[in-house]
Amino acid sequence: MSERLKSRQAATRYRRDCHEMGSPLEPIGYSRLAAAIFAIVAVLQLVRALAGSPVTVARTEIPIWASWVAFVVAGLLAWVGFTVSHP
């Protein structure tokens, strides 16, 4: 039996088991949901960085460069999530 067929059969068993257990999301749905959330976070961080809006947490001001880093990281995670969710 080929590796691809074994992998496909294992994925089918996993989906069936998740459905029987009442799992709300399959792995692809979870990846898409996580990717959408990361995309929203990335857009919000980009808006904050471009607008230069000050953010203070417990009397500590968060620098603008942190939003650029967060934008890149969240954007990459969103891209990976969307890429993985498309077979």
PDB file of N, CA and C in Angstrom:
ATOM      1  N   MET A   1       0.859  -1.174   0.000  1.00  0.00           N
ATOM      2  CA  MET A   1       0.000   0.000   0.000  1.00  0.00           C
ATOM      3  C   MET A   1       0.903   1.235   0.000  1.00  0.00           C
ATOM      4  N   SER A   2       0.592   2.183  -0.848  1.00  0.00           N
ATOM      5  CA  SER A   2       1.436   3.364  -0.970  1.00  0.00           C
ATOM      6  C   SER A   2       1.292   4.262   0.263  1.00  0.00           C
ATOM      7  N   GLU A   3       2.304   5.073   0.459  1.00  0.00           N
ATOM      8  CA  GLU A   3       2.302   6.008   1.591  1.00  0.00           C
ATOM      9  C   GLU A   3       1.180   7.028   1.460  1.00  0.00           C
ATOM     10  N   ARG A   4       0.917   7.462   0.244  1.00  0.00           N
ATOM     11  CA  ARG A   4      -0.137   8.452   0.026  1.00  0.00           C
ATOM     12  C   ARG A   4      -1.500   7.877   0.389  1.00  0.00           C
ATOM     13  N   LEU A   5      -1.748   6.630   0.016  1.00  0.00           N
ATOM     14  CA  LEU A   5      -3.017   5.992   0.341  1.00  0.00           C
ATOM     15  C   LEU A   5      -3.151   5.796   1.847  1.00  0.00           C
ATOM     16  N   LYS A   6      -2.063   5.393   2.499  1.00  0.00           N
ATOM     17  CA  LYS A   6      -2.088   5.243   3.960  1.00  0.00           C
ATOM     18  C   LYS A   6      -2.391   6.572   4.636  1.00  0.00           C
ATOM     19  N   SER A   7      -1.761   7.617   4.135  1.00  0.00           N
ATOM     20  CA  SER A   7      -1.980   8.945   4.709  1.00  0.00           C
ATOM     21  C   SER A   7      -3.424   9.390   4.523  1.00  0.00           C
ATOM     22  N   ARG A   8      -3.963   9.150   3.336  1.00  0.00           N
ATOM     23  CA  ARG A   8      -5.349   9.529   3.058  1.00  0.00           C
ATOM     24  C   ARG A   8      -6.316   8.736   3.943  1.00  0.00           C
ATOM     25  N   GLN A   9      -6.047   7.441   4.128  1.00  0.00           N
ATOM     26  CA  GLN A   9      -6.903   6.623   4.981  1.00  0.00           C
ATOM     27  C   GLN A   9      -6.830   7.091   6.434  1.00  0.00           C
ATOM     28  N   ALA A  10      -5.635   7.462   6.890  1.00  0.00           N
ATOM     29  CA  ALA A  10      -5.481   7.953   8.257  1.00  0.00           C
ATOM     30  C   ALA A  10      -6.237   9.268   8.437  1.00  0.00           C
ATOM     31  N   ALA A  11      -6.179  10.139   7.437  1.00  0.00           N
ATOM     32  CA  ALA A  11      -6.898  11.414   7.523  1.00  0.00           C
ATOM     33  C   ALA A  11      -8.402  11.173   7.551  1.00  0.00           C
ATOM     34  N   THR A  12      -8.869  10.219   6.759  1.00  0.00           N
ATOM     35  CA  THR A  12     -10.298   9.903   6.742  1.00  0.00           C
ATOM     36  C   THR A  12     -10.741   9.355   8.094  1.00  0.00           C
ATOM     37  N   ARG A  13      -9.941   8.467   8.678  1.00  0.00           N
ATOM     38  CA  ARG A  13     -10.256   7.927  10.012  1.00  0.00           C
ATOM     39  C   ARG A  13     -10.281   9.040  11.051  1.00  0.00           C
ATOM     40  N   TYR A  14      -9.323   9.957  10.972  1.00  0.00           N
ATOM     41  CA  TYR A  14      -9.264  11.055  11.933  1.00  0.00           C
ATOM     42  C   TYR A  14     -10.503  11.934  11.832  1.00  0.00           C
ATOM     43  N   ARG A  15     -10.910  12.277  10.589  1.00  0.00           N
ATOM     44  CA  ARG A  15     -12.108  13.088  10.406  1.00  0.00           C
ATOM     45  C   ARG A  15     -13.345  12.365  10.933  1.00  0.00           C
ATOM     46  N   ARG A  16     -13.448  11.075  10.663  1.00  0.00           N
ATOM     47  CA  ARG A  16     -14.596  10.307  11.135  1.00  0.00           C
ATOM     48  C   ARG A  16     -14.615  10.278  12.663  1.00  0.00           C
ATOM     49  N   ASP A  17     -13.447  10.056  13.270  1.00  0.00           N
ATOM     50  CA  ASP A  17     -13.371  10.029  14.734  1.00  0.00           C
ATOM     51  C   ASP A  17     -13.721  11.389  15.329  1.00  0.00           C
ATOM     52  N   CYS A  18     -13.243  12.464  14.720  1.00  0.00           N
ATOM     53  CA  CYS A  18     -13.564  13.805  15.210  1.00  0.00           C
ATOM     54  C   CYS A  18     -15.060  14.066  15.111  1.00  0.00           C
ATOM     55  N   HIS A  19     -15.656  13.633  14.011  1.00  0.00           N
ATOM     56  CA  HIS A  19     -17.091  13.835  13.826  1.00  0.00           C
ATOM     57  C   HIS A  19     -17.885  13.042  14.866  1.00  0.00           C
ATOM     58  N   GLU A  20     -17.472  11.815  15.128  1.00  0.00           N
ATOM     59  CA  GLU A  20     -18.178  10.986  16.104  1.00  0.00           C
ATOM     60  C   GLU A  20     -18.036  11.549  17.515  1.00  0.00           C
ATOM     61  N   MET A  21     -16.900  12.171  17.806  1.00  0.00           N
ATOM     62  CA  MET A  21     -16.675  12.729  19.141  1.00  0.00           C
ATOM     63  C   MET A  21     -17.307  14.107  19.290  1.00  0.00           C
ATOM     64  N   GLY A  22     -17.823  14.653  18.211  1.00  0.00           N
ATOM     65  CA  GLY A  22     -18.462  15.954  18.286  1.00  0.00           C
ATOM     66  C   GLY A  22     -17.487  17.110  18.209  1.00  0.00           C
ATOM     67  N   SER A  23     -16.345  16.904  17.569  1.00  0.00           N
ATOM     68  CA  SER A  23     -15.373  17.971  17.422  1.00  0.00           C
ATOM     69  C   SER A  23     -15.966  19.082  16.550  1.00  0.00           C
ATOM     70  N   PRO A  24     -15.911  20.336  16.995  1.00  0.00           N
ATOM     71  CA  PRO A  24     -16.537  21.419  16.245  1.00  0.00           C
ATOM     72  C   PRO A  24     -15.800  21.788  14.957  1.00  0.00           C
ATOM     73  N   LEU A  25     -14.498  21.545  14.894  1.00  0.00           N
ATOM     74  CA  LEU A  25     -13.725  21.944  13.717  1.00  0.00           C
ATOM     75  C   LEU A  25     -12.804  20.817  13.275  1.00  0.00           C
ATOM     76  N   GLU A  26     -12.707  20.672  11.975  1.00  0.00           N
ATOM     77  CA  GLU A  26     -11.709  19.782  11.413  1.00  0.00           C
ATOM     78  C   GLU A  26     -10.407  20.570  11.315  1.00  0.00           C
ATOM     79  N   PRO A  27      -9.284  19.896  11.106  1.00  0.00           N
ATOM     80  CA  PRO A  27      -8.002  20.617  11.046  1.00  0.00           C
ATOM     81  C   PRO A  27      -7.966  21.739  10.011  1.00  0.00           C
ATOM     82  N   ILE A  28      -8.576  21.532   8.853  1.00  0.00           N
ATOM     83  CA  ILE A  28      -8.561  22.587   7.831  1.00  0.00           C
ATOM     84  C   ILE A  28      -9.374  23.790   8.301  1.00  0.00           C
ATOM     85  N   GLY A  29     -10.520  23.543   8.911  1.00  0.00           N
ATOM     86  CA  GLY A  29     -11.333  24.640   9.430  1.00  0.00           C
ATOM     87  C   GLY A  29     -10.614  25.394  10.534  1.00  0.00           C
ATOM     88  N   TYR A  30      -9.913  24.649  11.382  1.00  0.00           N
ATOM     89  CA  TYR A  30      -9.144  25.284  12.453  1.00  0.00           C
ATOM     90  C   TYR A  30      -8.041  26.164  11.867  1.00  0.00           C
ATOM     91  N   SER A  31      -7.353  25.662  10.848  1.00  0.00           N
ATOM     92  CA  SER A  31      -6.282  26.438  10.218  1.00  0.00           C
ATOM     93  C   SER A  31      -6.824  27.726   9.609  1.00  0.00           C
ATOM     94  N   ARG A  32      -7.976  27.633   8.959  1.00  0.00           N
ATOM     95  CA  ARG A  32      -8.575  28.826   8.353  1.00  0.00           C
ATOM     96  C   ARG A  32      -9.001  29.839   9.408  1.00  0.00           C
ATOM     97  N   LEU A  33      -9.590  29.349  10.494  1.00  0.00           N
ATOM     98  CA  LEU A  33     -10.015  30.244  11.567  1.00  0.00           C
ATOM     99  C   LEU A  33      -8.816  30.942  12.197  1.00  0.00           C
ATOM    100  N   ALA A  34      -7.782  30.175  12.513  1.00  0.00           N
ATOM    101  CA  ALA A  34      -6.581  30.763  13.107  1.00  0.00           C
ATOM    102  C   ALA A  34      -5.941  31.764  12.152  1.00  0.00           C
ATOM    103  N   ALA A  35      -5.892  31.425  10.862  1.00  0.00           N
ATOM    104  CA  ALA A  35      -5.310  32.325   9.872  1.00  0.00           C
ATOM    105  C   ALA A  35      -6.107  33.623   9.777  1.00  0.00           C
ATOM    106  N   ALA A  36      -7.426  33.527   9.835  1.00  0.00           N
ATOM    107  CA  ALA A  36      -8.262  34.740   9.776  1.00  0.00           C
ATOM    108  C   ALA A  36      -8.021  35.627  10.991  1.00  0.00           C
ATOM    109  N   ILE A  37      -7.900  35.017  12.155  1.00  0.00           N
ATOM    110  CA  ILE A  37      -7.637  35.794  13.381  1.00  0.00           C
ATOM    111  C   ILE A  37      -6.266  36.470  13.291  1.00  0.00           C
ATOM    112  N   PHE A  38      -5.246  35.729  12.840  1.00  0.00           N
ATOM    113  CA  PHE A  38      -3.915  36.320  12.691  1.00  0.00           C
ATOM    114  C   PHE A  38      -3.919  37.434  11.640  1.00  0.00           C
ATOM    115  N   ALA A  39      -4.705  37.287  10.589  1.00  0.00           N
ATOM    116  CA  ALA A  39      -4.792  38.337   9.567  1.00  0.00           C
ATOM    117  C   ALA A  39      -5.404  39.606  10.154  1.00  0.00           C
ATOM    118  N   ILE A  40      -6.433  39.457  10.963  1.00  0.00           N
ATOM    119  CA  ILE A  40      -7.053  40.618  11.608  1.00  0.00           C
ATOM    120  C   ILE A  40      -6.052  41.305  12.532  1.00  0.00           C
ATOM    121  N   VAL A  41      -5.322  40.510  13.311  1.00  0.00           N
ATOM    122  CA  VAL A  41      -4.307  41.077  14.215  1.00  0.00           C
ATOM    123  C   VAL A  41      -3.233  41.804  13.410  1.00  0.00           C
ATOM    124  N   ALA A  42      -2.814  41.218  12.297  1.00  0.00           N
ATOM    125  CA  ALA A  42      -1.790  41.849  11.463  1.00  0.00           C
ATOM    126  C   ALA A  42      -2.276  43.192  10.933  1.00  0.00           C
ATOM    127  N   VAL A  43      -3.508  43.241  10.464  1.00  0.00           N
ATOM    128  CA  VAL A  43      -4.053  44.504   9.943  1.00  0.00           C
ATOM    129  C   VAL A  43      -4.136  45.549  11.052  1.00  0.00           C
ATOM    130  N   LEU A  44      -4.596  45.142  12.228  1.00  0.00           N
ATOM    131  CA  LEU A  44      -4.684  46.095  13.342  1.00  0.00           C
ATOM    132  C   LEU A  44      -3.305  46.617  13.746  1.00  0.00           C
ATOM    133  N   GLN A  45      -2.299  45.747  13.749  1.00  0.00           N
ATOM    134  CA  GLN A  45      -0.943  46.184  14.086  1.00  0.00           C
ATOM    135  C   GLN A  45      -0.398  47.129  13.016  1.00  0.00           C
ATOM    136  N   LEU A  46      -0.711  46.858  11.755  1.00  0.00           N
ATOM    137  CA  LEU A  46      -0.278  47.748  10.678  1.00  0.00           C
ATOM    138  C   LEU A  46      -0.923  49.122  10.817  1.00  0.00           C
ATOM    139  N   VAL A  47      -2.210  49.148  11.113  1.00  0.00           N
ATOM    140  CA  VAL A  47      -2.912  50.419  11.300  1.00  0.00           C
ATOM    141  C   VAL A  47      -2.292  51.196  12.452  1.00  0.00           C
ATOM    142  N   ARG A  48      -2.023  50.510  13.541  1.00  0.00           N
ATOM    143  CA  ARG A  48      -1.415  51.181  14.701  1.00  0.00           C
ATOM    144  C   ARG A  48      -0.034  51.729  14.348  1.00  0.00           C
ATOM    145  N   ALA A  49       0.763  50.945  13.616  1.00  0.00           N
ATOM    146  CA  ALA A  49       2.111  51.392  13.262  1.00  0.00           C
ATOM    147  C   ALA A  49       2.070  52.587  12.312  1.00  0.00           C
ATOM    148  N   LEU A  50       1.181  52.549  11.317  1.00  0.00           N
ATOM    149  CA  LEU A  50       1.095  53.657  10.364  1.00  0.00           C
ATOM    150  C   LEU A  50       0.536  54.923  11.003  1.00  0.00           C
ATOM    151  N   ALA A  51      -0.413  54.760  11.916  1.00  0.00           N
ATOM    152  CA  ALA A  51      -1.023  55.914  12.570  1.00  0.00           C
ATOM    153  C   ALA A  51      -0.131  56.464  13.685  1.00  0.00           C
ATOM    154  N   GLY A  52       0.779  55.639  14.187  1.00  0.00           N
ATOM    155  CA  GLY A  52       1.639  56.079  15.282  1.00  0.00           C
ATOM    156  C   GLY A  52       0.906  56.231  16.590  1.00  0.00           C
ATOM    157  N   SER A  53      -0.157  55.490  16.759  1.00  0.00           N
ATOM    158  CA  SER A  53      -0.975  55.584  17.970  1.00  0.00           C
ATOM    159  C   SER A  53      -0.201  55.075  19.191  1.00  0.00           C
ATOM    160  N   PRO A  54      -0.213  55.865  20.262  1.00  0.00           N
ATOM    161  CA  PRO A  54       0.482  55.415  21.469  1.00  0.00           C
ATOM    162  C   PRO A  54      -0.329  54.329  22.190  1.00  0.00           C
ATOM    163  N   VAL A  55       0.379  53.344  22.714  1.00  0.00           N
ATOM    164  CA  VAL A  55      -0.246  52.288  23.521  1.00  0.00           C
ATOM    165  C   VAL A  55       0.528  52.211  24.826  1.00  0.00           C
ATOM    166  N   THR A  56      -0.206  52.258  25.923  1.00  0.00           N
ATOM    167  CA  THR A  56       0.417  52.175  27.236  1.00  0.00           C
ATOM    168  C   THR A  56      -0.193  51.009  27.990  1.00  0.00           C
ATOM    169  N   VAL A  57       0.680  50.169  28.531  1.00  0.00           N
ATOM    170  CA  VAL A  57       0.241  49.033  29.332  1.00  0.00           C
ATOM    171  C   VAL A  57       0.917  49.161  30.690  1.00  0.00           C
ATOM    172  N   ALA A  58       0.096  49.341  31.716  1.00  0.00           N
ATOM    173  CA  ALA A  58       0.603  49.468  33.091  1.00  0.00           C
ATOM    174  C   ALA A  58       1.717  50.513  33.179  1.00  0.00           C
ATOM    175  N   ARG A  59       1.450  51.697  32.667  1.00  0.00           N
ATOM    176  CA  ARG A  59       2.366  52.837  32.695  1.00  0.00           C
ATOM    177  C   ARG A  59       3.650  52.624  31.882  1.00  0.00           C
ATOM    178  N   THR A  60       3.648  51.611  31.007  1.00  0.00           N
ATOM    179  CA  THR A  60       4.785  51.366  30.123  1.00  0.00           C
ATOM    180  C   THR A  60       4.324  51.584  28.688  1.00  0.00           C
ATOM    181  N   GLU A  61       4.969  52.516  27.994  1.00  0.00           N
ATOM    182  CA  GLU A  61       4.582  52.791  26.618  1.00  0.00           C
ATOM    183  C   GLU A  61       5.219  51.754  25.689  1.00  0.00           C
ATOM    184  N   ILE A  62       4.383  51.164  24.837  1.00  0.00           N
ATOM    185  CA  ILE A  62       4.856  50.169  23.876  1.00  0.00           C
ATOM    186  C   ILE A  62       5.334  50.919  22.621  1.00  0.00           C
ATOM    187  N   PRO A  63       6.587  50.709  22.214  1.00  0.00           N
ATOM    188  CA  PRO A  63       7.110  51.450  21.062  1.00  0.00           C
ATOM    189  C   PRO A  63       6.448  51.025  19.751  1.00  0.00           C
ATOM    190  N   ILE A  64       6.511  51.920  18.773  1.00  0.00           N
ATOM    191  CA  ILE A  64       5.910  51.663  17.463  1.00  0.00           C
ATOM    192  C   ILE A  64       6.587  50.491  16.765  1.00  0.00           C
ATOM    193  N   TRP A  65       7.888  50.331  16.935  1.00  0.00           N
ATOM    194  CA  TRP A  65       8.582  49.236  16.244  1.00  0.00           C
ATOM    195  C   TRP A  65       8.030  47.879  16.665  1.00  0.00           C
ATOM    196  N   ALA A  66       7.473  47.777  17.867  1.00  0.00           N
ATOM    197  CA  ALA A  66       6.886  46.508  18.301  1.00  0.00           C
ATOM    198  C   ALA A  66       5.677  46.147  17.447  1.00  0.00           C
ATOM    199  N   SER A  67       4.944  47.151  16.989  1.00  0.00           N
ATOM    200  CA  SER A  67       3.807  46.892  16.106  1.00  0.00           C
ATOM    201  C   SER A  67       4.271  46.409  14.738  1.00  0.00           C
ATOM    202  N   TRP A  68       5.398  46.917  14.264  1.00  0.00           N
ATOM    203  CA  TRP A  68       5.927  46.421  12.989  1.00  0.00           C
ATOM    204  C   TRP A  68       6.327  44.953  13.113  1.00  0.00           C
ATOM    205  N   VAL A  69       6.963  44.616  14.221  1.00  0.00           N
ATOM    206  CA  VAL A  69       7.352  43.214  14.451  1.00  0.00           C
ATOM    207  C   VAL A  69       6.104  42.342  14.554  1.00  0.00           C
ATOM    208  N   ALA A  70       5.122  42.798  15.314  1.00  0.00           N
ATOM    209  CA  ALA A  70       3.874  42.040  15.464  1.00  0.00           C
ATOM    210  C   ALA A  70       3.151  41.892  14.135  1.00  0.00           C
ATOM    211  N   PHE A  71       3.197  42.938  13.298  1.00  0.00           N
ATOM    212  CA  PHE A  71       2.581  42.871  11.975  1.00  0.00           C
ATOM    213  C   PHE A  71       3.226  41.785  11.125  1.00  0.00           C
ATOM    214  N   VAL A  72       4.547  41.734  11.115  1.00  0.00           N
ATOM    215  CA  VAL A  72       5.260  40.739  10.313  1.00  0.00           C
ATOM    216  C   VAL A  72       4.979  39.327  10.827  1.00  0.00           C
ATOM    217  N   VAL A  73       5.066  39.138  12.142  1.00  0.00           N
ATOM    218  CA  VAL A  73       4.850  37.807  12.718  1.00  0.00           C
ATOM    219  C   VAL A  73       3.413  37.345  12.482  1.00  0.00           C
ATOM    220  N   ALA A  74       2.446  38.189  12.777  1.00  0.00           N
ATOM    221  CA  ALA A  74       1.041  37.811  12.585  1.00  0.00           C
ATOM    222  C   ALA A  74       0.737  37.595  11.103  1.00  0.00           C
ATOM    223  N   GLY A  75       1.321  38.403  10.238  1.00  0.00           N
ATOM    224  CA  GLY A  75       1.129  38.228   8.797  1.00  0.00           C
ATOM    225  C   GLY A  75       1.682  36.904   8.304  1.00  0.00           C
ATOM    226  N   LEU A  76       2.863  36.540   8.785  1.00  0.00           N
ATOM    227  CA  LEU A  76       3.444  35.247   8.408  1.00  0.00           C
ATOM    228  C   LEU A  76       2.597  34.082   8.920  1.00  0.00           C
ATOM    229  N   LEU A  77       2.129  34.180  10.144  1.00  0.00           N
ATOM    230  CA  LEU A  77       1.283  33.116  10.686  1.00  0.00           C
ATOM    231  C   LEU A  77      -0.030  33.001   9.921  1.00  0.00           C
ATOM    232  N   ALA A  78      -0.597  34.127   9.518  1.00  0.00           N
ATOM    233  CA  ALA A  78      -1.816  34.096   8.706  1.00  0.00           C
ATOM    234  C   ALA A  78      -1.539  33.446   7.356  1.00  0.00           C
ATOM    235  N   TRP A  79      -0.447  33.813   6.731  1.00  0.00           N
ATOM    236  CA  TRP A  79      -0.092  33.233   5.435  1.00  0.00           C
ATOM    237  C   TRP A  79       0.095  31.722   5.547  1.00  0.00           C
ATOM    238  N   VAL A  80       0.808  31.284   6.591  1.00  0.00           N
ATOM    239  CA  VAL A  80       1.018  29.839   6.797  1.00  0.00           C
ATOM    240  C   VAL A  80      -0.319  29.143   7.020  1.00  0.00           C
ATOM    241  N   GLY A  81      -1.182  29.736   7.825  1.00  0.00           N
ATOM    242  CA  GLY A  81      -2.485  29.130   8.087  1.00  0.00           C
ATOM    243  C   GLY A  81      -3.333  28.991   6.845  1.00  0.00           C
ATOM    244  N   PHE A  82      -3.361  30.029   6.010  1.00  0.00           N
ATOM    245  CA  PHE A  82      -4.124  29.949   4.776  1.00  0.00           C
ATOM    246  C   PHE A  82      -3.485  28.967   3.788  1.00  0.00           C
ATOM    247  N   THR A  83      -2.158  28.918   3.748  1.00  0.00           N
ATOM    248  CA  THR A  83      -1.466  27.998   2.856  1.00  0.00           C
ATOM    249  C   THR A  83      -1.728  26.543   3.243  1.00  0.00           C
ATOM    250  N   VAL A  84      -1.686  26.252   4.524  1.00  0.00           N
ATOM    251  CA  VAL A  84      -1.900  24.887   4.992  1.00  0.00           C
ATOM    252  C   VAL A  84      -3.354  24.457   4.790  1.00  0.00           C
ATOM    253  N   SER A  85      -4.279  25.372   4.837  1.00  0.00           N
ATOM    254  CA  SER A  85      -5.691  25.015   4.752  1.00  0.00           C
ATOM    255  C   SER A  85      -6.154  24.764   3.319  1.00  0.00           C
ATOM    256  N   HIS A  86      -5.286  25.001   2.348  1.00  0.00           N
ATOM    257  CA  HIS A  86      -5.631  24.725   0.939  1.00  0.00           C
ATOM    258  C   HIS A  86      -4.852  23.505   0.475  1.00  0.00           C
ATOM    259  N   PRO A  87      -5.535  22.367   0.331  1.00  0.00           N
ATOM    260  CA  PRO A  87      -4.817  21.129  -0.063  1.00  0.00           C
ATOM    261  C   PRO A  87      -4.293  21.148  -1.471  1.00  0.00           C
TER     262      PRO A  87
END
